[in-house]
Amino acid sequence: MRGIGPLLLAIWLIIYGLQGLIGLRFAYDTQVLSILAIVAGLFLLIRR
């Protein structure tokens, strides 16, 4: 298994890109993306 950090990072990048490209919005989108970025970063740091 490659780890959950890169998977969470990929999800964050896809959602972030869709927001800019097609204006994807949902309730609490800023908070969700912020939490997702923090969790992905922590998993990537722990993996090292």
N, C-alpha and C. Protein backbone atom coordinates (compact mmCIF):
# COMPACT_ATOMS: atom_id res chain seq x y z
N MET A 1 0.84 -1.19 0.00
CA MET A 1 0.00 0.00 0.00
C MET A 1 0.89 1.25 0.00
N ARG A 2 0.58 2.17 -0.88
CA ARG A 2 1.40 3.37 -1.02
C ARG A 2 1.20 4.36 0.11
N GLY A 3 0.11 4.29 0.81
CA GLY A 3 -0.15 5.20 1.91
C GLY A 3 -1.37 6.06 1.64
N ILE A 4 -1.90 6.57 2.74
CA ILE A 4 -3.11 7.37 2.63
C ILE A 4 -2.80 8.83 2.32
N GLY A 5 -1.59 9.30 2.64
CA GLY A 5 -1.21 10.69 2.39
C GLY A 5 -1.33 11.08 0.93
N PRO A 6 -0.70 10.33 0.01
CA PRO A 6 -0.82 10.68 -1.40
C PRO A 6 -2.27 10.59 -1.91
N LEU A 7 -3.04 9.67 -1.40
CA LEU A 7 -4.44 9.55 -1.80
C LEU A 7 -5.23 10.80 -1.39
N LEU A 8 -5.05 11.24 -0.14
CA LEU A 8 -5.74 12.44 0.33
C LEU A 8 -5.28 13.67 -0.43
N LEU A 9 -4.00 13.73 -0.74
CA LEU A 9 -3.48 14.84 -1.53
C LEU A 9 -4.11 14.86 -2.92
N ALA A 10 -4.24 13.70 -3.53
CA ALA A 10 -4.86 13.61 -4.86
C ALA A 10 -6.31 14.07 -4.82
N ILE A 11 -7.05 13.66 -3.79
CA ILE A 11 -8.44 14.09 -3.65
C ILE A 11 -8.52 15.60 -3.49
N TRP A 12 -7.64 16.15 -2.66
CA TRP A 12 -7.62 17.59 -2.44
C TRP A 12 -7.34 18.34 -3.74
N LEU A 13 -6.36 17.87 -4.50
CA LEU A 13 -6.02 18.52 -5.76
C LEU A 13 -7.17 18.47 -6.76
N ILE A 14 -7.85 17.35 -6.84
CA ILE A 14 -8.98 17.21 -7.76
C ILE A 14 -10.11 18.18 -7.38
N ILE A 15 -10.48 18.19 -6.10
CA ILE A 15 -11.56 19.08 -5.66
C ILE A 15 -11.18 20.53 -5.84
N TYR A 16 -9.96 20.88 -5.49
CA TYR A 16 -9.48 22.26 -5.63
C TYR A 16 -9.50 22.69 -7.11
N GLY A 17 -9.07 21.80 -7.98
CA GLY A 17 -9.08 22.10 -9.41
C GLY A 17 -10.48 22.26 -9.96
N LEU A 18 -11.40 21.41 -9.53
CA LEU A 18 -12.79 21.52 -9.99
C LEU A 18 -13.44 22.81 -9.50
N GLN A 19 -13.07 23.25 -8.32
CA GLN A 19 -13.62 24.51 -7.81
C GLN A 19 -13.22 25.67 -8.71
N GLY A 20 -11.98 25.69 -9.12
CA GLY A 20 -11.51 26.78 -9.98
C GLY A 20 -12.01 26.65 -11.41
N LEU A 21 -12.11 25.43 -11.90
CA LEU A 21 -12.47 25.21 -13.31
C LEU A 21 -13.96 25.36 -13.58
N ILE A 22 -14.78 24.73 -12.76
CA ILE A 22 -16.22 24.77 -13.04
C ILE A 22 -17.02 25.43 -11.92
N GLY A 23 -16.36 26.00 -10.95
CA GLY A 23 -17.05 26.68 -9.87
C GLY A 23 -17.76 25.74 -8.92
N LEU A 24 -17.19 24.56 -8.71
CA LEU A 24 -17.78 23.58 -7.80
C LEU A 24 -17.80 24.15 -6.39
N ARG A 25 -18.97 24.19 -5.79
CA ARG A 25 -19.11 24.69 -4.42
C ARG A 25 -20.04 23.76 -3.66
N PHE A 26 -19.77 23.60 -2.37
CA PHE A 26 -20.64 22.83 -1.48
C PHE A 26 -20.52 23.42 -0.09
N ALA A 27 -21.43 23.03 0.78
CA ALA A 27 -21.45 23.57 2.14
C ALA A 27 -20.14 23.28 2.85
N TYR A 28 -19.57 24.29 3.46
CA TYR A 28 -18.32 24.18 4.24
C TYR A 28 -17.15 23.71 3.38
N ASP A 29 -17.13 24.10 2.11
CA ASP A 29 -16.06 23.64 1.23
C ASP A 29 -14.69 24.13 1.67
N THR A 30 -14.60 25.34 2.17
CA THR A 30 -13.30 25.86 2.62
C THR A 30 -12.77 25.08 3.81
N GLN A 31 -13.65 24.80 4.76
CA GLN A 31 -13.23 24.05 5.94
C GLN A 31 -12.86 22.61 5.59
N VAL A 32 -13.65 21.99 4.72
CA VAL A 32 -13.37 20.60 4.33
C VAL A 32 -12.02 20.51 3.62
N LEU A 33 -11.75 21.42 2.69
CA LEU A 33 -10.48 21.38 1.97
C LEU A 33 -9.31 21.69 2.90
N SER A 34 -9.51 22.60 3.84
CA SER A 34 -8.44 22.91 4.79
C SER A 34 -8.11 21.70 5.67
N ILE A 35 -9.13 21.04 6.18
CA ILE A 35 -8.90 19.86 7.01
C ILE A 35 -8.25 18.74 6.20
N LEU A 36 -8.73 18.54 4.97
CA LEU A 36 -8.16 17.51 4.10
C LEU A 36 -6.68 17.78 3.82
N ALA A 37 -6.33 19.04 3.58
CA ALA A 37 -4.93 19.40 3.34
C ALA A 37 -4.07 19.14 4.57
N ILE A 38 -4.57 19.50 5.75
CA ILE A 38 -3.81 19.29 6.98
C ILE A 38 -3.60 17.80 7.24
N VAL A 39 -4.65 17.01 7.08
CA VAL A 39 -4.55 15.57 7.33
C VAL A 39 -3.59 14.92 6.33
N ALA A 40 -3.69 15.30 5.05
CA ALA A 40 -2.79 14.75 4.05
C ALA A 40 -1.34 15.11 4.37
N GLY A 41 -1.11 16.37 4.76
CA GLY A 41 0.23 16.79 5.12
C GLY A 41 0.78 16.02 6.31
N LEU A 42 -0.06 15.79 7.31
CA LEU A 42 0.39 15.03 8.48
C LEU A 42 0.74 13.59 8.11
N PHE A 43 -0.09 12.95 7.29
CA PHE A 43 0.22 11.58 6.87
C PHE A 43 1.51 11.53 6.05
N LEU A 44 1.73 12.54 5.21
CA LEU A 44 2.97 12.55 4.44
C LEU A 44 4.19 12.74 5.35
N LEU A 45 4.06 13.58 6.37
CA LEU A 45 5.17 13.78 7.31
C LEU A 45 5.43 12.53 8.15
N ILE A 46 4.38 11.88 8.59
CA ILE A 46 4.52 10.67 9.41
C ILE A 46 5.20 9.56 8.60
N ARG A 47 4.90 9.49 7.32
CA ARG A 47 5.45 8.43 6.46
C ARG A 47 6.97 8.53 6.33
N ARG A 48 7.53 9.72 6.48
CA ARG A 48 8.98 9.91 6.28
C ARG A 48 9.77 9.27 7.37
